Amino acid sequence: MQFVYLLSGAVDIEVDDALQQLRPGNMAVLLPGRREHFHFHARQESEHSWCQLDFDTIGPGFNSRFTGVSPQLPINTEIEQMMELGLAVTGASHIDNRIALVKLGEALLHYYLSLDALPANERPSPMPRAVRQACKYIASAYQHPLTLELIAQQAHCSVNHLINQFKQSLKVTPIRYLWQTRLVRAESLLKHTDIPISAIAEQCGFASQFHFSRLFKASHQVSPRQYRVHCRSQ
């Protein structure tokens, strides 16, 4: 079974004589035991990634379990991160990575099926490449001081273009997305660790504990300390 993720360009995938065009920002699922041909468009430079799940044996009726599953879906940042993690684990030659790769592949499959189960109007729209690159950069560097100009530079576009793309795709500005990323990480640290609140603020990229507390309370209606106490009481 393969998951093929198109980052840019265009590709037609022929599966047992049935043709589908994979669009940028989408992922296609390809079932085992079928004849496949990939036709990359000559006039567009294409960039893609893929994940392959290998099976020792395939039981009868395996493919029929996926009858009705969408052949391709728009991909969000979570799936892109799983794909990148899989590539990183594949290259980790100093460990036996087979079990980790199987579990990652299973997680990717379950996530794909969960997205497919959503009504079409609730699924994420394919994100422009600039937005994907900006989100990827924010996820890896949110704990550092970041400016809108620096994020746009990493996304290889202008500030105005990035703002417009974020508003269209995610309904927030890049800076608001950055604060949301930091708050989600801080929420996890408050819930699962005993790290002092001042240290959490610093680790998550907030300018000060006061700034962190103000944004956290605006988002959660309680202070970080109250949130931690509430989580511990559950």
Protein backbone atom coordinates (compact mmCIF):
# COMPACT_ATOMS: atom_id res chain seq x y z
CA MET A 1 0.00 0.00 0.00
CA GLN A 2 1.33 3.44 -0.92
CA PHE A 3 0.53 7.00 0.08
CA VAL A 4 1.74 9.47 -2.54
CA TYR A 5 1.84 13.12 -1.52
CA LEU A 6 2.22 15.78 -4.22
CA LEU A 7 3.96 18.94 -3.02
CA SER A 8 3.97 20.82 -6.32
CA GLY A 9 3.48 20.30 -10.04
CA ALA A 10 1.12 17.74 -11.54
CA VAL A 11 1.00 13.96 -11.95
CA ASP A 12 -1.51 11.56 -13.50
CA ILE A 13 -1.74 8.15 -11.81
CA GLU A 14 -3.02 5.25 -13.89
CA VAL A 15 -4.29 2.34 -11.77
CA ASP A 16 -5.52 -0.71 -13.69
CA ASP A 17 -6.35 1.56 -16.67
CA ALA A 18 -8.30 4.05 -14.50
CA LEU A 19 -6.75 7.53 -14.52
CA GLN A 20 -6.77 10.14 -11.77
CA GLN A 21 -4.88 13.43 -11.53
CA LEU A 22 -3.19 14.07 -8.21
CA ARG A 23 -3.38 17.75 -7.25
CA PRO A 24 -0.73 19.65 -5.25
CA GLY A 25 -1.43 19.49 -1.53
CA ASN A 26 -3.27 16.17 -1.90
CA MET A 27 -2.36 12.60 -1.00
CA ALA A 28 -3.46 9.52 -2.94
CA VAL A 29 -3.83 6.06 -1.42
CA LEU A 30 -2.83 3.16 -3.69
CA LEU A 31 -3.87 -0.36 -2.74
CA PRO A 32 -1.67 -3.46 -3.16
CA GLY A 33 -1.81 -5.89 -6.05
CA ARG A 34 -2.66 -3.33 -8.74
CA ARG A 35 -0.79 -2.17 -11.81
CA GLU A 36 0.25 1.48 -11.47
CA HIS A 37 1.91 4.02 -13.76
CA PHE A 38 2.89 7.57 -12.85
CA HIS A 39 2.91 10.23 -15.56
CA PHE A 40 4.62 13.43 -14.37
CA HIS A 41 3.78 16.46 -16.49
CA ALA A 42 6.76 17.47 -18.59
CA ARG A 43 6.00 21.19 -18.51
CA GLN A 44 5.71 21.45 -14.70
CA GLU A 45 8.45 20.66 -12.23
CA SER A 46 6.95 18.24 -9.72
CA GLU A 47 7.96 17.47 -6.15
CA HIS A 48 6.44 14.58 -4.27
CA SER A 49 6.89 12.29 -1.29
CA TRP A 50 5.52 8.86 -0.49
CA CYS A 51 5.10 6.24 2.20
CA GLN A 52 5.01 2.53 1.36
CA LEU A 53 3.59 -0.16 3.64
CA ASP A 54 4.88 -3.64 2.84
CA PHE A 55 3.01 -6.81 3.80
CA ASP A 56 4.36 -10.36 4.06
CA THR A 57 0.95 -11.67 2.98
CA ILE A 58 -2.30 -10.05 1.93
CA GLY A 59 -5.45 -11.80 3.07
CA PRO A 60 -8.50 -12.24 0.86
CA GLY A 61 -10.75 -9.22 0.65
CA PHE A 62 -8.07 -6.79 1.85
CA ASN A 63 -8.73 -4.21 -0.86
CA SER A 64 -12.50 -4.54 -0.51
CA ARG A 65 -12.22 -3.10 3.01
CA PHE A 66 -11.33 0.21 1.40
CA THR A 67 -14.26 0.30 -1.01
CA GLY A 68 -15.64 3.81 -1.06
CA VAL A 69 -12.57 5.41 0.51
CA SER A 70 -11.59 8.59 -1.31
CA PRO A 71 -8.66 7.90 -3.66
CA GLN A 72 -7.10 11.23 -2.65
CA LEU A 73 -7.57 13.75 0.14
CA PRO A 74 -6.19 17.19 1.00
CA ILE A 75 -3.34 16.96 3.47
CA ASN A 76 -2.89 19.00 6.63
CA THR A 77 0.22 19.73 8.65
CA GLU A 78 -0.24 16.70 10.92
CA ILE A 79 -0.05 14.23 8.04
CA GLU A 80 2.89 16.12 6.52
CA GLN A 81 4.72 15.85 9.85
CA MET A 82 4.01 12.09 10.02
CA MET A 83 5.42 11.71 6.52
CA GLU A 84 8.56 13.63 7.45
CA LEU A 85 8.97 11.64 10.67
CA GLY A 86 8.70 8.43 8.69
CA LEU A 87 11.46 9.58 6.35
CA ALA A 88 13.64 10.54 9.33
CA VAL A 89 13.10 7.16 11.03
CA THR A 90 13.85 5.36 7.76
CA GLY A 91 17.27 7.01 7.71
CA ALA A 92 18.05 6.05 11.33
CA SER A 93 20.45 3.19 10.56
CA HIS A 94 21.78 2.95 14.15
CA ILE A 95 18.54 1.36 15.41
CA ASP A 96 16.15 -1.38 14.33
CA ASN A 97 13.46 0.89 12.91
CA ARG A 98 11.07 -1.72 11.51
CA ILE A 99 8.49 -1.68 14.32
CA ALA A 100 8.51 2.13 14.49
CA LEU A 101 7.93 2.36 10.74
CA VAL A 102 5.06 -0.14 10.86
CA LYS A 103 3.38 1.82 13.66
CA LEU A 104 3.89 5.11 11.82
CA GLY A 105 2.39 3.58 8.69
CA GLU A 106 -0.61 2.33 10.66
CA ALA A 107 -1.05 5.78 12.23
CA LEU A 108 -0.94 7.40 8.80
CA LEU A 109 -3.56 4.96 7.48
CA HIS A 110 -5.89 5.55 10.44
CA TYR A 111 -5.51 9.32 10.10
CA TYR A 112 -6.33 9.11 6.38
CA LEU A 113 -9.44 7.05 7.11
CA SER A 114 -10.50 9.50 9.85
CA LEU A 115 -10.22 12.41 7.43
CA ASP A 116 -12.18 10.49 4.83
CA ALA A 117 -14.95 9.86 7.37
CA LEU A 118 -15.53 13.61 7.76
CA PRO A 119 -18.19 15.31 5.63
CA ALA A 120 -16.59 16.83 2.55
CA ASN A 121 -17.26 20.37 3.75
CA GLU A 122 -15.39 19.70 7.02
CA ARG A 123 -12.20 18.34 5.46
CA PRO A 124 -9.20 20.66 5.23
CA SER A 125 -8.62 22.35 1.91
CA PRO A 126 -5.29 21.74 0.16
CA MET A 127 -2.85 24.27 1.57
CA PRO A 128 -0.68 26.41 -0.69
CA ARG A 129 2.97 25.50 -0.57
CA ALA A 130 3.93 28.79 1.12
CA VAL A 131 1.53 28.03 3.98
CA ARG A 132 2.83 24.47 4.34
CA GLN A 133 6.43 25.68 4.46
CA ALA A 134 5.58 28.41 6.97
CA CYS A 135 3.73 25.94 9.22
CA LYS A 136 6.63 23.52 9.02
CA TYR A 137 9.09 26.24 9.98
CA ILE A 138 6.91 27.46 12.87
CA ALA A 139 6.57 23.90 14.20
CA SER A 140 10.36 23.53 14.31
CA ALA A 141 11.26 27.01 15.60
CA TYR A 142 8.31 28.31 17.65
CA GLN A 143 10.46 28.45 20.81
CA HIS A 144 12.74 31.07 19.22
CA PRO A 145 12.01 34.76 18.55
CA LEU A 146 10.25 34.81 15.17
CA THR A 147 9.13 37.74 13.05
CA LEU A 148 6.65 37.83 10.21
CA GLU A 149 9.48 38.74 7.85
CA LEU A 150 11.53 35.73 8.91
CA ILE A 151 8.59 33.36 8.50
CA ALA A 152 7.86 34.76 5.03
CA GLN A 153 11.52 34.37 4.11
CA GLN A 154 11.41 30.69 5.08
CA ALA A 155 8.23 30.28 3.01
CA HIS A 156 9.93 31.95 0.00
CA CYS A 157 7.27 34.60 -0.48
CA SER A 158 6.43 38.18 0.46
CA VAL A 159 4.86 39.10 3.80
CA ASN A 160 1.62 40.29 2.18
CA HIS A 161 1.32 37.13 0.08
CA LEU A 162 1.86 34.92 3.15
CA ILE A 163 -0.75 36.81 5.18
CA ASN A 164 -3.31 36.48 2.38
CA GLN A 165 -2.56 32.76 1.92
CA PHE A 166 -2.91 32.08 5.67
CA LYS A 167 -6.22 33.94 5.87
CA GLN A 168 -7.60 32.00 2.91
CA SER A 169 -6.35 28.59 4.05
CA LEU A 170 -6.40 28.69 7.86
CA LYS A 171 -8.57 31.75 8.61
CA VAL A 172 -5.81 33.23 10.80
CA THR A 173 -2.72 35.36 10.26
CA PRO A 174 0.75 33.75 10.41
CA ILE A 175 1.48 35.45 13.74
CA ARG A 176 -1.81 34.26 15.23
CA TYR A 177 -0.94 30.74 14.05
CA LEU A 178 2.46 31.10 15.75
CA TRP A 179 0.81 32.09 19.06
CA GLN A 180 -1.62 29.18 18.74
CA THR A 181 1.28 26.77 18.22
CA ARG A 182 3.05 28.12 21.30
CA LEU A 183 -0.12 27.93 23.40
CA VAL A 184 -0.79 24.32 22.41
CA ARG A 185 2.75 23.35 23.44
CA ALA A 186 2.44 25.29 26.70
CA GLU A 187 -0.89 23.61 27.43
CA SER A 188 0.74 20.19 27.11
CA LEU A 189 3.61 21.17 29.43
CA LEU A 190 1.21 22.54 32.04
CA LYS A 191 -0.84 19.36 31.92
CA HIS A 192 1.92 16.76 31.90
CA THR A 193 4.95 18.28 33.67
CA ASP A 194 5.88 20.18 36.83
CA ILE A 195 8.02 22.70 34.94
CA PRO A 196 7.61 26.17 36.50
CA ILE A 197 5.28 28.46 34.57
CA SER A 198 8.06 30.99 34.01
CA ALA A 199 10.20 28.26 32.39
CA ILE A 200 7.28 27.10 30.23
CA ALA A 201 6.81 30.66 28.99
CA GLU A 202 10.49 30.84 28.04
CA GLN A 203 10.60 27.39 26.44
CA CYS A 204 7.55 28.12 24.29
CA GLY A 205 8.87 31.39 22.91
CA PHE A 206 6.87 33.95 24.90
CA ALA A 207 8.55 37.27 25.64
CA SER A 208 7.73 37.03 29.35
CA GLN A 209 5.63 35.11 31.87
CA PHE A 210 3.19 38.05 31.94
CA HIS A 211 2.79 37.92 28.15
CA PHE A 212 2.26 34.15 28.27
CA SER A 213 -0.31 34.39 31.07
CA ARG A 214 -2.24 37.13 29.29
CA LEU A 215 -2.50 35.20 26.01
CA PHE A 216 -3.25 31.92 27.77
CA LYS A 217 -6.09 33.43 29.77
CA ALA A 218 -7.52 35.10 26.68
CA SER A 219 -7.55 31.71 24.95
CA HIS A 220 -8.60 29.42 27.84
CA GLN A 221 -10.51 31.81 30.15
CA VAL A 222 -8.30 30.68 33.07
CA SER A 223 -4.72 31.46 34.05
CA PRO A 224 -1.93 28.90 33.40
CA ARG A 225 -1.79 28.15 37.14
CA GLN A 226 -5.55 27.60 37.36
CA TYR A 227 -5.42 25.39 34.25
CA ARG A 228 -2.70 23.22 35.82
CA VAL A 229 -4.59 22.88 39.10
CA HIS A 230 -7.77 21.94 37.23
CA CYS A 231 -5.95 19.27 35.18
CA ARG A 232 -4.41 17.74 38.31
CA SER A 233 -7.81 17.53 39.99
CA GLN A 234 -9.36 15.42 37.23
